[in-house]
PDB file of N, CA and C in Angstrom:
ATOM      1  N   MET A   1      89.109  82.030 106.988  1.00  0.00           N
ATOM      2  CA  MET A   1      89.179  82.884 108.615  1.00  0.00           C
ATOM      3  C   MET A   1      90.397  82.648 109.217  1.00  0.00           C
ATOM      4  N   THR A   2      90.967  81.295 108.972  1.00  0.00           N
ATOM      5  CA  THR A   2      92.125  80.940 109.487  1.00  0.00           C
ATOM      6  C   THR A   2      93.264  81.605 109.010  1.00  0.00           C
ATOM      7  N   VAL A   3      93.008  82.029 107.727  1.00  0.00           N
ATOM      8  CA  VAL A   3      94.225  82.927 107.168  1.00  0.00           C
ATOM      9  C   VAL A   3      94.449  84.184 108.281  1.00  0.00           C
ATOM     10  N   MET A   4      93.363  84.748 108.588  1.00  0.00           N
ATOM     11  CA  MET A   4      93.320  86.171 109.450  1.00  0.00           C
ATOM     12  C   MET A   4      93.890  85.920 110.898  1.00  0.00           C
ATOM     13  N   TYR A   5      93.823  84.524 111.368  1.00  0.00           N
ATOM     14  CA  TYR A   5      94.553  84.223 112.783  1.00  0.00           C
ATOM     15  C   TYR A   5      95.953  84.048 112.370  1.00  0.00           C
ATOM     16  N   TRP A   6      96.320  83.573 111.263  1.00  0.00           N
ATOM     17  CA  TRP A   6      97.969  83.202 111.004  1.00  0.00           C
ATOM     18  C   TRP A   6      98.324  84.411 110.898  1.00  0.00           C
ATOM     19  N   LEU A   7      97.904  85.470 110.176  1.00  0.00           N
ATOM     20  CA  LEU A   7      98.432  86.996 109.837  1.00  0.00           C
ATOM     21  C   LEU A   7      98.480  87.722 111.244  1.00  0.00           C
ATOM     22  N   GLY A   8      97.404  87.581 111.994  1.00  0.00           N
ATOM     23  CA  GLY A   8      97.397  88.046 113.215  1.00  0.00           C
ATOM     24  C   GLY A   8      98.646  87.678 113.929  1.00  0.00           C
ATOM     25  N   ALA A   9      98.761  86.217 114.072  1.00  0.00           N
ATOM     26  CA  ALA A   9      99.928  85.707 114.949  1.00  0.00           C
ATOM     27  C   ALA A   9     101.128  86.545 114.395  1.00  0.00           C
ATOM     28  N   ALA A  10     101.250  86.584 113.028  1.00  0.00           N
ATOM     29  CA  ALA A  10     102.307  87.115 112.381  1.00  0.00           C
ATOM     30  C   ALA A  10     102.789  88.524 113.031  1.00  0.00           C
ATOM     31  N   ALA A  11     101.681  89.023 112.652  1.00  0.00           N
ATOM     32  CA  ALA A  11     101.714  90.482 113.405  1.00  0.00           C
ATOM     33  C   ALA A  11     102.234  90.679 114.812  1.00  0.00           C
ATOM     34  N   ILE A  12     101.642  89.732 115.542  1.00  0.00           N
ATOM     35  CA  ILE A  12     101.921  89.811 117.030  1.00  0.00           C
ATOM     36  C   ILE A  12     103.542  89.366 117.250  1.00  0.00           C
ATOM     37  N   PHE A  13     103.873  88.644 116.507  1.00  0.00           N
ATOM     38  CA  PHE A  13     105.339  88.218 116.429  1.00  0.00           C
ATOM     39  C   PHE A  13     106.233  89.227 116.225  1.00  0.00           C
ATOM     40  N   VAL A  14     105.918  89.921 115.218  1.00  0.00           N
ATOM     41  CA  VAL A  14     106.677  91.089 114.677  1.00  0.00           C
ATOM     42  C   VAL A  14     106.529  92.416 115.809  1.00  0.00           C
ATOM     43  N   VAL A  15     105.289  92.413 116.337  1.00  0.00           N
ATOM     44  CA  VAL A  15     105.448  93.416 117.401  1.00  0.00           C
ATOM     45  C   VAL A  15     106.247  93.212 118.731  1.00  0.00           C
ATOM     46  N   ILE A  16     106.368  91.929 118.780  1.00  0.00           N
ATOM     47  CA  ILE A  16     107.044  91.398 120.080  1.00  0.00           C
ATOM     48  C   ILE A  16     108.469  91.543 119.689  1.00  0.00           C
ATOM     49  N   GLU A  17     108.915  91.337 118.483  1.00  0.00           N
ATOM     50  CA  GLU A  17     110.247  91.596 117.881  1.00  0.00           C
ATOM     51  C   GLU A  17     110.671  92.866 117.933  1.00  0.00           C
ATOM     52  N   ILE A  18     109.815  93.713 117.615  1.00  0.00           N
ATOM     53  CA  ILE A  18     110.273  95.242 117.669  1.00  0.00           C
ATOM     54  C   ILE A  18     110.429  95.664 118.981  1.00  0.00           C
ATOM     55  N   ILE A  19     109.716  95.205 119.963  1.00  0.00           N
ATOM     56  CA  ILE A  19     109.658  95.678 121.464  1.00  0.00           C
ATOM     57  C   ILE A  19     111.111  94.860 122.155  1.00  0.00           C
ATOM     58  N   THR A  20     111.399  93.782 121.573  1.00  0.00           N
ATOM     59  CA  THR A  20     112.300  92.973 122.390  1.00  0.00           C
ATOM     60  C   THR A  20     113.761  93.101 121.850  1.00  0.00           C
ATOM     61  N   MET A  21     113.662  93.170 120.359  1.00  0.00           N
ATOM     62  CA  MET A  21     114.963  93.317 119.572  1.00  0.00           C
ATOM     63  C   MET A  21     115.892  92.191 119.729  1.00  0.00           C
ATOM     64  N   GLY A  22     115.153  91.085 120.017  1.00  0.00           N
ATOM     65  CA  GLY A  22     116.325  90.026 120.375  1.00  0.00           C
ATOM     66  C   GLY A  22     116.531  89.074 119.139  1.00  0.00           C
ATOM     67  N   LEU A  23     115.714  89.189 118.115  1.00  0.00           N
ATOM     68  CA  LEU A  23     116.101  88.375 116.875  1.00  0.00           C
ATOM     69  C   LEU A  23     115.800  86.945 117.059  1.00  0.00           C
ATOM     70  N   THR A  24     114.450  86.786 117.779  1.00  0.00           N
ATOM     71  CA  THR A  24     113.979  85.542 118.124  1.00  0.00           C
ATOM     72  C   THR A  24     112.498  85.229 117.549  1.00  0.00           C
ATOM     73  N   THR A  25     111.764  86.198 117.838  1.00  0.00           N
ATOM     74  CA  THR A  25     110.236  86.029 117.515  1.00  0.00           C
ATOM     75  C   THR A  25     110.153  86.247 116.040  1.00  0.00           C
ATOM     76  N   ILE A  26     110.728  86.926 115.437  1.00  0.00           N
ATOM     77  CA  ILE A  26     110.850  87.290 113.961  1.00  0.00           C
ATOM     78  C   ILE A  26     110.545  85.994 113.131  1.00  0.00           C
ATOM     79  N   TRP A  27     111.506  85.072 113.548  1.00  0.00           N
ATOM     80  CA  TRP A  27     111.449  83.648 112.587  1.00  0.00           C
ATOM     81  C   TRP A  27     110.147  83.024 112.844  1.00  0.00           C
ATOM     82  N   PHE A  28     109.484  83.174 114.055  1.00  0.00           N
ATOM     83  CA  PHE A  28     107.983  82.674 114.006  1.00  0.00           C
ATOM     84  C   PHE A  28     107.004  83.578 113.232  1.00  0.00           C
ATOM     85  N   ALA A  29     107.444  84.801 113.000  1.00  0.00           N
ATOM     86  CA  ALA A  29     106.585  85.463 112.026  1.00  0.00           C
ATOM     87  C   ALA A  29     106.408  84.818 110.779  1.00  0.00           C
ATOM     88  N   GLY A  30     107.721  84.507 110.258  1.00  0.00           N
ATOM     89  CA  GLY A  30     107.897  83.887 108.951  1.00  0.00           C
ATOM     90  C   GLY A  30     107.147  82.417 108.985  1.00  0.00           C
ATOM     91  N   GLY A  31     107.171  81.659 110.072  1.00  0.00           N
ATOM     92  CA  GLY A  31     106.381  80.460 110.143  1.00  0.00           C
ATOM     93  C   GLY A  31     104.880  80.582 110.085  1.00  0.00           C
ATOM     94  N   ALA A  32     104.494  81.868 110.632  1.00  0.00           N
ATOM     95  CA  ALA A  32     103.059  82.233 110.702  1.00  0.00           C
ATOM     96  C   ALA A  32     102.701  82.718 109.053  1.00  0.00           C
ATOM     97  N   LEU A  33     103.412  83.136 108.421  1.00  0.00           N
ATOM     98  CA  LEU A  33     103.182  83.572 107.071  1.00  0.00           C
ATOM     99  C   LEU A  33     102.932  82.305 106.339  1.00  0.00           C
ATOM    100  N   VAL A  34     103.809  81.338 106.351  1.00  0.00           N
ATOM    101  CA  VAL A  34     103.759  80.139 105.940  1.00  0.00           C
ATOM    102  C   VAL A  34     102.267  79.630 106.101  1.00  0.00           C
ATOM    103  N   GLY A  35     102.046  79.619 107.230  1.00  0.00           N
ATOM    104  CA  GLY A  35     100.801  78.808 107.825  1.00  0.00           C
ATOM    105  C   GLY A  35      99.761  79.673 107.329  1.00  0.00           C
ATOM    106  N   ALA A  36      99.758  80.934 107.008  1.00  0.00           N
ATOM    107  CA  ALA A  36      98.619  81.751 106.220  1.00  0.00           C
ATOM    108  C   ALA A  36      98.433  81.290 104.893  1.00  0.00           C
ATOM    109  N   VAL A  37      99.521  80.899 104.202  1.00  0.00           N
ATOM    110  CA  VAL A  37      99.681  80.600 102.945  1.00  0.00           C
ATOM    111  C   VAL A  37      98.833  79.405 102.985  1.00  0.00           C
ATOM    112  N   MET A  38      99.268  78.408 103.672  1.00  0.00           N
ATOM    113  CA  MET A  38      98.774  77.229 103.612  1.00  0.00           C
ATOM    114  C   MET A  38      97.143  77.255 104.005  1.00  0.00           C
ATOM    115  N   ALA A  39      96.850  78.058 104.769  1.00  0.00           N
ATOM    116  CA  ALA A  39      95.417  78.163 105.093  1.00  0.00           C
ATOM    117  C   ALA A  39      94.462  78.741 104.091  1.00  0.00           C
ATOM    118  N   ALA A  40      95.233  79.672 103.234  1.00  0.00           N
ATOM    119  CA  ALA A  40      94.648  80.105 101.776  1.00  0.00           C
ATOM    120  C   ALA A  40      94.206  79.121 100.905  1.00  0.00           C
ATOM    121  N   PHE A  41      95.229  78.010 100.999  1.00  0.00           N
ATOM    122  CA  PHE A  41      94.969  76.973 100.073  1.00  0.00           C
ATOM    123  C   PHE A  41      94.025  75.939 100.630  1.00  0.00           C
ATOM    124  N   SER A  42      93.403  76.186 101.793  1.00  0.00           N
ATOM    125  CA  SER A  42      92.464  75.258 102.661  1.00  0.00           C
ATOM    126  C   SER A  42      92.961  74.158 102.691  1.00  0.00           C
ATOM    127  N   LEU A  43      94.465  73.935 103.154  1.00  0.00           N
ATOM    128  CA  LEU A  43      94.989  72.686 103.988  1.00  0.00           C
ATOM    129  C   LEU A  43      94.559  72.534 105.167  1.00  0.00           C
ATOM    130  N   PRO A  44      94.698  71.498 105.579  1.00  0.00           N
ATOM    131  CA  PRO A  44      93.982  70.921 107.171  1.00  0.00           C
ATOM    132  C   PRO A  44      95.117  71.870 107.969  1.00  0.00           C
ATOM    133  N   LEU A  45      94.371  72.094 109.202  1.00  0.00           N
ATOM    134  CA  LEU A  45      94.998  72.804 110.350  1.00  0.00           C
ATOM    135  C   LEU A  45      96.149  72.102 110.905  1.00  0.00           C
ATOM    136  N   TRP A  46      96.167  70.946 110.885  1.00  0.00           N
ATOM    137  CA  TRP A  46      97.266  70.096 111.359  1.00  0.00           C
ATOM    138  C   TRP A  46      98.428  70.404 110.498  1.00  0.00           C
ATOM    139  N   SER A  47      98.349  70.404 109.462  1.00  0.00           N
ATOM    140  CA  SER A  47      99.566  70.549 108.473  1.00  0.00           C
ATOM    141  C   SER A  47      99.983  71.874 108.471  1.00  0.00           C
ATOM    142  N   GLN A  48      99.088  72.868 108.778  1.00  0.00           N
ATOM    143  CA  GLN A  48      99.568  74.230 108.745  1.00  0.00           C
ATOM    144  C   GLN A  48     100.243  74.480 110.209  1.00  0.00           C
ATOM    145  N   ILE A  49      99.898  73.900 111.052  1.00  0.00           N
ATOM    146  CA  ILE A  49     100.799  74.123 112.501  1.00  0.00           C
ATOM    147  C   ILE A  49     102.057  73.053 112.340  1.00  0.00           C
ATOM    148  N   ILE A  50     102.127  72.043 111.731  1.00  0.00           N
ATOM    149  CA  ILE A  50     103.377  71.500 111.516  1.00  0.00           C
ATOM    150  C   ILE A  50     104.256  72.235 110.704  1.00  0.00           C
ATOM    151  N   ALA A  51     103.919  72.858 109.740  1.00  0.00           N
ATOM    152  CA  ALA A  51     104.709  73.761 108.613  1.00  0.00           C
ATOM    153  C   ALA A  51     105.175  74.962 109.423  1.00  0.00           C
ATOM    154  N   PHE A  52     104.135  75.450 110.270  1.00  0.00           N
ATOM    155  CA  PHE A  52     104.586  76.689 110.944  1.00  0.00           C
ATOM    156  C   PHE A  52     105.862  76.370 112.019  1.00  0.00           C
ATOM    157  N   VAL A  53     105.664  75.208 112.695  1.00  0.00           N
ATOM    158  CA  VAL A  53     106.880  74.866 113.637  1.00  0.00           C
ATOM    159  C   VAL A  53     108.147  74.418 112.793  1.00  0.00           C
ATOM    160  N   ILE A  54     108.000  73.709 111.516  1.00  0.00           N
ATOM    161  CA  ILE A  54     109.231  73.333 110.866  1.00  0.00           C
ATOM    162  C   ILE A  54     109.947  74.544 110.204  1.00  0.00           C
ATOM    163  N   VAL A  55     108.860  75.442 109.787  1.00  0.00           N
ATOM    164  CA  VAL A  55     109.640  76.579 108.964  1.00  0.00           C
ATOM    165  C   VAL A  55     110.494  77.578 110.304  1.00  0.00           C
ATOM    166  N   SER A  56     109.552  77.703 111.244  1.00  0.00           N
ATOM    167  CA  SER A  56     109.959  78.764 112.246  1.00  0.00           C
ATOM    168  C   SER A  56     111.606  78.075 112.756  1.00  0.00           C
ATOM    169  N   VAL A  57     111.414  76.916 113.045  1.00  0.00           N
ATOM    170  CA  VAL A  57     112.750  76.140 113.692  1.00  0.00           C
ATOM    171  C   VAL A  57     113.814  76.440 112.610  1.00  0.00           C
ATOM    172  N   ILE A  58     113.499  75.891 111.429  1.00  0.00           N
ATOM    173  CA  ILE A  58     114.551  76.062 110.384  1.00  0.00           C
ATOM    174  C   ILE A  58     115.021  77.411 110.209  1.00  0.00           C
ATOM    175  N   LEU A  59     114.108  78.532 110.222  1.00  0.00           N
ATOM    176  CA  LEU A  59     114.694  79.881 110.126  1.00  0.00           C
ATOM    177  C   LEU A  59     115.450  80.254 111.441  1.00  0.00           C
ATOM    178  N   LEU A  60     115.022  80.023 112.274  1.00  0.00           N
ATOM    179  CA  LEU A  60     115.723  80.408 113.656  1.00  0.00           C
ATOM    180  C   LEU A  60     117.104  79.739 113.535  1.00  0.00           C
ATOM    181  N   ILE A  61     117.195  78.481 113.298  1.00  0.00           N
ATOM    182  CA  ILE A  61     118.673  77.567 113.340  1.00  0.00           C
ATOM    183  C   ILE A  61     119.431  78.253 112.422  1.00  0.00           C
ATOM    184  N   LEU A  62     119.108  78.476 111.017  1.00  0.00           N
ATOM    185  CA  LEU A  62     120.035  78.723 109.999  1.00  0.00           C
ATOM    186  C   LEU A  62     120.167  80.042 109.806  1.00  0.00           C
ATOM    187  N   THR A  63     119.299  81.089 109.958  1.00  0.00           N
ATOM    188  CA  THR A  63     119.457  82.396 109.588  1.00  0.00           C
ATOM    189  C   THR A  63     119.825  83.206 111.011  1.00  0.00           C
ATOM    190  N   ARG A  64     119.394  82.816 112.141  1.00  0.00           N
ATOM    191  CA  ARG A  64     119.741  83.783 113.433  1.00  0.00           C
ATOM    192  C   ARG A  64     121.215  84.028 113.606  1.00  0.00           C
ATOM    193  N   PRO A  65     122.035  83.067 113.563  1.00  0.00           N
ATOM    194  CA  PRO A  65     123.532  83.343 113.733  1.00  0.00           C
ATOM    195  C   PRO A  65     124.053  84.287 112.607  1.00  0.00           C
ATOM    196  N   TRP A  66     123.720  84.199 111.185  1.00  0.00           N
ATOM    197  CA  TRP A  66     123.982  85.058 110.431  1.00  0.00           C
ATOM    198  C   TRP A  66     123.542  86.501 110.632  1.00  0.00           C
ATOM    199  N   ALA A  67     122.245  86.563 110.998  1.00  0.00           N
ATOM    200  CA  ALA A  67     121.650  87.719 111.367  1.00  0.00           C
ATOM    201  C   ALA A  67     122.382  88.625 112.509  1.00  0.00           C
ATOM    202  N   LEU A  68     122.766  87.728 113.684  1.00  0.00           N
ATOM    203  CA  LEU A  68     123.308  88.289 114.585  1.00  0.00           C
ATOM    204  C   LEU A  68     124.709  88.791 114.185  1.00  0.00           C
ATOM    205  N   LYS A  69     125.380  88.255 113.529  1.00  0.00           N
ATOM    206  CA  LYS A  69     126.633  88.455 112.941  1.00  0.00           C
ATOM    207  C   LYS A  69     126.814  89.792 112.018  1.00  0.00           C
ATOM    208  N   TYR A  70     125.620  90.063 111.269  1.00  0.00           N
ATOM    209  CA  TYR A  70     125.854  91.212 110.429  1.00  0.00           C
ATOM    210  C   TYR A  70     124.970  92.215 110.923  1.00  0.00           C
ATOM    211  N   LEU A  71     123.885  92.092 111.700  1.00  0.00           N
ATOM    212  CA  LEU A  71     123.045  93.037 111.923  1.00  0.00           C
ATOM    213  C   LEU A  71     123.549  93.969 113.411  1.00  0.00           C
ATOM    214  N   ASN A  72     124.490  93.222 113.961  1.00  0.00           N
ATOM    215  CA  ASN A  72     125.082  93.682 115.315  1.00  0.00           C
ATOM    216  C   ASN A  72     126.560  93.852 114.964  1.00  0.00           C
ATOM    217  N   SER A  73     126.935  94.316 113.667  1.00  0.00           N
ATOM    218  CA  SER A  73     128.299  94.288 113.359  1.00  0.00           C
ATOM    219  C   SER A  73     128.855  95.885 113.663  1.00  0.00           C
ATOM    220  N   ARG A  74     127.811  96.735 113.955  1.00  0.00           N
ATOM    221  CA  ARG A  74     128.067  98.198 114.401  1.00  0.00           C
ATOM    222  C   ARG A  74     128.417  98.443 115.728  1.00  0.00           C
ATOM    223  N   THR A  75     128.343  97.241 116.552  1.00  0.00           N
ATOM    224  CA  THR A  75     128.764  97.461 118.264  1.00  0.00           C
ATOM    225  C   THR A  75     130.263  97.910 118.086  1.00  0.00           C
ATOM    226  N   VAL A  76     130.626  98.880 118.909  1.00  0.00           N
ATOM    227  CA  VAL A  76     131.932  99.293 118.967  1.00  0.00           C
ATOM    228  C   VAL A  76     132.445  99.220 120.283  1.00  0.00           C
ATOM    229  N   ARG A  77     133.523  98.293 120.253  1.00  0.00           N
ATOM    230  CA  ARG A  77     134.071  97.910 121.558  1.00  0.00           C
ATOM    231  C   ARG A  77     135.037  98.856 121.905  1.00  0.00           C
ATOM    232  N   THR A  78     134.958  98.866 123.235  1.00  0.00           N
ATOM    233  CA  THR A  78     136.112 100.008 123.918  1.00  0.00           C
ATOM    234  C   THR A  78     137.341  99.581 124.683  1.00  0.00           C
ATOM    235  N   ASN A  79     138.251 100.098 124.878  1.00  0.00           N
ATOM    236  CA  ASN A  79     139.381  99.491 125.414  1.00  0.00           C
ATOM    237  C   ASN A  79     138.871  99.086 126.911  1.00  0.00           C
ATOM    238  N   ALA A  80     138.283  99.666 127.673  1.00  0.00           N
ATOM    239  CA  ALA A  80     137.343  99.374 128.892  1.00  0.00           C
ATOM    240  C   ALA A  80     136.879  97.644 128.801  1.00  0.00           C
ATOM    241  N   ASP A  81     136.369  97.418 127.739  1.00  0.00           N
ATOM    242  CA  ASP A  81     136.013  96.081 127.725  1.00  0.00           C
ATOM    243  C   ASP A  81     137.146  95.069 127.991  1.00  0.00           C
ATOM    244  N   SER A  82     138.217  95.318 127.587  1.00  0.00           N
ATOM    245  CA  SER A  82     139.352  94.344 127.724  1.00  0.00           C
ATOM    246  C   SER A  82     139.522  94.271 129.100  1.00  0.00           C
ATOM    247  N   LEU A  83     139.303  95.140 130.212  1.00  0.00           N
ATOM    248  CA  LEU A  83     139.674  94.936 131.552  1.00  0.00           C
ATOM    249  C   LEU A  83     138.752  94.171 132.229  1.00  0.00           C
ATOM    250  N   ILE A  84     137.635  93.754 131.659  1.00  0.00           N
ATOM    251  CA  ILE A  84     136.565  92.984 132.426  1.00  0.00           C
ATOM    252  C   ILE A  84     137.230  91.679 132.921  1.00  0.00           C
ATOM    253  N   GLY A  85     137.160  91.392 134.089  1.00  0.00           N
ATOM    254  CA  GLY A  85     137.663  90.018 134.434  1.00  0.00           C
ATOM    255  C   GLY A  85     139.065  90.067 134.954  1.00  0.00           C
ATOM    256  N   GLN A  86     139.933  91.196 134.719  1.00  0.00           N
ATOM    257  CA  GLN A  86     141.211  91.306 135.199  1.00  0.00           C
ATOM    258  C   GLN A  86     141.396  91.825 136.542  1.00  0.00           C
ATOM    259  N   THR A  87     142.515  91.517 137.169  1.00  0.00           N
ATOM    260  CA  THR A  87     142.864  91.909 138.426  1.00  0.00           C
ATOM    261  C   THR A  87     143.423  93.191 138.533  1.00  0.00           C
ATOM    262  N   ALA A  88     143.139  94.133 139.165  1.00  0.00           N
ATOM    263  CA  ALA A  88     143.634  95.561 139.138  1.00  0.00           C
ATOM    264  C   ALA A  88     144.453  95.772 140.696  1.00  0.00           C
ATOM    265  N   LEU A  89     145.362  96.549 140.574  1.00  0.00           N
ATOM    266  CA  LEU A  89     146.005  96.967 141.918  1.00  0.00           C
ATOM    267  C   LEU A  89     145.761  98.368 142.320  1.00  0.00           C
ATOM    268  N   VAL A  90     145.031  98.558 143.039  1.00  0.00           N
ATOM    269  CA  VAL A  90     144.617 100.054 143.516  1.00  0.00           C
ATOM    270  C   VAL A  90     145.985 100.661 143.930  1.00  0.00           C
ATOM    271  N   THR A  91     146.410 101.755 143.242  1.00  0.00           N
ATOM    272  CA  THR A  91     147.242 102.527 143.830  1.00  0.00           C
ATOM    273  C   THR A  91     147.008 104.005 144.235  1.00  0.00           C
ATOM    274  N   GLN A  92     145.852 104.396 144.377  1.00  0.00           N
ATOM    275  CA  GLN A  92     145.321 105.531 144.983  1.00  0.00           C
ATOM    276  C   GLN A  92     143.824 105.298 145.502  1.00  0.00           C
ATOM    277  N   ASP A  93     143.703 105.832 146.536  1.00  0.00           N
ATOM    278  CA  ASP A  93     142.131 105.454 147.159  1.00  0.00           C
ATOM    279  C   ASP A  93     141.088 105.848 146.562  1.00  0.00           C
ATOM    280  N   ILE A  94     140.131 105.065 146.219  1.00  0.00           N
ATOM    281  CA  ILE A  94     139.144 105.412 145.388  1.00  0.00           C
ATOM    282  C   ILE A  94     137.980 105.566 146.088  1.00  0.00           C
ATOM    283  N   ASP A  95     137.580 107.037 145.533  1.00  0.00           N
ATOM    284  CA  ASP A  95     136.282 107.688 146.107  1.00  0.00           C
ATOM    285  C   ASP A  95     135.310 107.746 145.056  1.00  0.00           C
ATOM    286  N   ASN A  96     134.176 107.118 145.311  1.00  0.00           N
ATOM    287  CA  ASN A  96     133.107 106.989 144.150  1.00  0.00           C
ATOM    288  C   ASN A  96     132.418 108.388 144.215  1.00  0.00           C
ATOM    289  N   LEU A  97     132.208 108.864 145.463  1.00  0.00           N
ATOM    290  CA  LEU A  97     131.451 110.279 145.584  1.00  0.00           C
ATOM    291  C   LEU A  97     132.103 111.294 144.944  1.00  0.00           C
ATOM    292  N   ASN A  98     133.481 111.570 145.137  1.00  0.00           N
ATOM    293  CA  ASN A  98     134.259 112.710 144.184  1.00  0.00           C
ATOM    294  C   ASN A  98     135.033 112.147 143.101  1.00  0.00           C
ATOM    295  N   ALA A  99     134.808 110.889 142.552  1.00  0.00           N
ATOM    296  CA  ALA A  99     135.370 110.558 141.428  1.00  0.00           C
ATOM    297  C   ALA A  99     136.627 110.669 141.328  1.00  0.00           C
ATOM    298  N   LYS A 100     137.418 110.048 142.189  1.00  0.00           N
ATOM    299  CA  LYS A 100     138.627 110.232 142.367  1.00  0.00           C
ATOM    300  C   LYS A 100     139.241 108.857 142.714  1.00  0.00           C
ATOM    301  N   GLY A 101     140.431 108.585 142.318  1.00  0.00           N
ATOM    302  CA  GLY A 101     141.081 107.114 142.501  1.00  0.00           C
ATOM    303  C   GLY A 101     142.051 106.708 141.140  1.00  0.00           C
ATOM    304  N   GLN A 102     142.620 105.756 141.324  1.00  0.00           N
ATOM    305  CA  GLN A 102     143.708 104.982 140.518  1.00  0.00           C
ATOM    306  C   GLN A 102     143.998 103.964 140.553  1.00  0.00           C
ATOM    307  N   VAL A 103     143.933 102.855 139.574  1.00  0.00           N
ATOM    308  CA  VAL A 103     144.354 101.598 139.654  1.00  0.00           C
ATOM    309  C   VAL A 103     145.386 101.218 138.356  1.00  0.00           C
ATOM    310  N   LYS A 104     146.015  99.949 138.668  1.00  0.00           N
ATOM    311  CA  LYS A 104     146.937  99.808 137.731  1.00  0.00           C
ATOM    312  C   LYS A 104     146.551  98.254 137.196  1.00  0.00           C
ATOM    313  N   VAL A 105     146.324  98.105 135.785  1.00  0.00           N
ATOM    314  CA  VAL A 105     146.128  96.719 135.383  1.00  0.00           C
ATOM    315  C   VAL A 105     147.124  96.524 134.072  1.00  0.00           C
ATOM    316  N   GLU A 106     148.109  95.518 134.360  1.00  0.00           N
ATOM    317  CA  GLU A 106     148.875  95.033 133.426  1.00  0.00           C
ATOM    318  C   GLU A 106     149.711  96.370 132.921  1.00  0.00           C
ATOM    319  N   ASP A 107     150.126  97.002 133.839  1.00  0.00           N
ATOM    320  CA  ASP A 107     151.323  98.121 133.724  1.00  0.00           C
ATOM    321  C   ASP A 107     150.544  99.338 133.062  1.00  0.00           C
ATOM    322  N   ARG A 108     149.265  99.329 132.988  1.00  0.00           N
ATOM    323  CA  ARG A 108     148.522 100.589 132.438  1.00  0.00           C
ATOM    324  C   ARG A 108     147.703 101.073 133.734  1.00  0.00           C
ATOM    325  N   TYR A 109     147.718 102.353 133.706  1.00  0.00           N
ATOM    326  CA  TYR A 109     147.041 103.095 134.919  1.00  0.00           C
ATOM    327  C   TYR A 109     145.808 103.650 134.284  1.00  0.00           C
ATOM    328  N   GLY A 110     144.703 103.646 135.086  1.00  0.00           N
ATOM    329  CA  GLY A 110     143.310 103.981 134.837  1.00  0.00           C
ATOM    330  C   GLY A 110     142.987 105.278 135.837  1.00  0.00           C
ATOM    331  N   GLN A 111     142.571 106.180 135.492  1.00  0.00           N
ATOM    332  CA  GLN A 111     142.245 106.880 136.458  1.00  0.00           C
ATOM    333  C   GLN A 111     140.624 106.881 136.488  1.00  0.00           C
ATOM    334  N   ARG A 112     140.182 107.318 137.802  1.00  0.00           N
ATOM    335  CA  ARG A 112     138.605 106.911 138.291  1.00  0.00           C
ATOM    336  C   ARG A 112     137.903 107.709 137.396  1.00  0.00           C
ATOM    337  N   GLU A 113     138.164 108.700 136.517  1.00  0.00           N
ATOM    338  CA  GLU A 113     137.273 109.420 135.741  1.00  0.00           C
ATOM    339  C   GLU A 113     137.042 108.572 134.388  1.00  0.00           C
ATOM    340  N   VAL A 114     137.892 107.844 134.078  1.00  0.00           N
ATOM    341  CA  VAL A 114     138.073 106.949 132.790  1.00  0.00           C
ATOM    342  C   VAL A 114     137.389 105.825 132.832  1.00  0.00           C
ATOM    343  N   PHE A 115     137.258 105.171 133.937  1.00  0.00           N
ATOM    344  CA  PHE A 115     136.559 103.907 133.896  1.00  0.00           C
ATOM    345  C   PHE A 115     135.650 104.045 135.208  1.00  0.00           C
ATOM    346  N   PRO A 116     134.572 104.861 135.244  1.00  0.00           N
ATOM    347  CA  PRO A 116     133.944 104.957 136.329  1.00  0.00           C
ATOM    348  C   PRO A 116     133.021 103.648 136.864  1.00  0.00           C
ATOM    349  N   MET A 117     132.667 103.010 136.004  1.00  0.00           N
ATOM    350  CA  MET A 117     131.723 101.800 136.267  1.00  0.00           C
ATOM    351  C   MET A 117     132.553 100.546 136.853  1.00  0.00           C
ATOM    352  N   MET A 118     133.595 100.496 136.376  1.00  0.00           N
ATOM    353  CA  MET A 118     134.533  99.233 136.822  1.00  0.00           C
ATOM    354  C   MET A 118     135.058  99.477 138.231  1.00  0.00           C
ATOM    355  N   TYR A 119     135.258 100.642 138.731  1.00  0.00           N
ATOM    356  CA  TYR A 119     135.550 100.837 139.996  1.00  0.00           C
ATOM    357  C   TYR A 119     134.507 100.655 141.217  1.00  0.00           C
ATOM    358  N   SER A 120     133.385 100.829 140.727  1.00  0.00           N
ATOM    359  CA  SER A 120     132.176 100.506 141.676  1.00  0.00           C
ATOM    360  C   SER A 120     132.010  98.993 142.127  1.00  0.00           C
ATOM    361  N   PHE A 121     132.905  98.262 141.144  1.00  0.00           N
ATOM    362  CA  PHE A 121     132.692  96.674 141.586  1.00  0.00           C
ATOM    363  C   PHE A 121     133.960  96.007 141.827  1.00  0.00           C
ATOM    364  N   MET A 122     134.777  96.958 141.963  1.00  0.00           N
ATOM    365  CA  MET A 122     136.187  96.423 142.174  1.00  0.00           C
ATOM    366  C   MET A 122     136.645  96.356 143.553  1.00  0.00           C
ATOM    367  N   LYS A 123     137.246  95.418 143.876  1.00  0.00           N
ATOM    368  CA  LYS A 123     137.771  95.057 145.313  1.00  0.00           C
ATOM    369  C   LYS A 123     139.044  95.867 145.614  1.00  0.00           C
ATOM    370  N   ASP A 124     139.237  96.394 146.809  1.00  0.00           N
ATOM    371  CA  ASP A 124     140.275  96.925 147.003  1.00  0.00           C
ATOM    372  C   ASP A 124     141.452  96.004 147.297  1.00  0.00           C
ATOM    373  N   ARG A 125     142.487  95.859 146.125  1.00  0.00           N
ATOM    374  CA  ARG A 125     143.692  95.126 146.435  1.00  0.00           C
ATOM    375  C   ARG A 125     145.032  95.732 146.318  1.00  0.00           C
ATOM    376  N   ARG A 126     145.519  96.063 147.584  1.00  0.00           N
ATOM    377  CA  ARG A 126     146.889  96.986 147.646  1.00  0.00           C
ATOM    378  C   ARG A 126     147.996  95.969 148.006  1.00  0.00           C
ATOM    379  N   SER A 127     149.154  96.556 147.498  1.00  0.00           N
ATOM    380  CA  SER A 127     150.218  95.704 147.807  1.00  0.00           C
ATOM    381  C   SER A 127     151.286  96.480 147.911  1.00  0.00           C
TER     382      SER A 127
END
């Protein structure tokens, strides 16, 4: 019967992973599968729990950085990402309602239509 509990826990961890896509709970599903195998061999519950914790932590520490690197490699960074945190000089009035305005960042001009999200958080710095 303990095998079913471990398999149920693994299924719950997989469902949580599918919902969150955070690459965190999937490793606990692996630990739960190890617990299920140990339960199938009728090993004591305390050893199943210890194996679950050890395997989960090892999987999390050793494989999560690798998985994040290779599974998120399709992320396309845009030029607008390079502007985050930089100071901009407002060269034309910014009107969010009409999507008008212009700023200058490091000798580059950006129109309001090009970077709409950046302007809604930017302070007006004129000189």
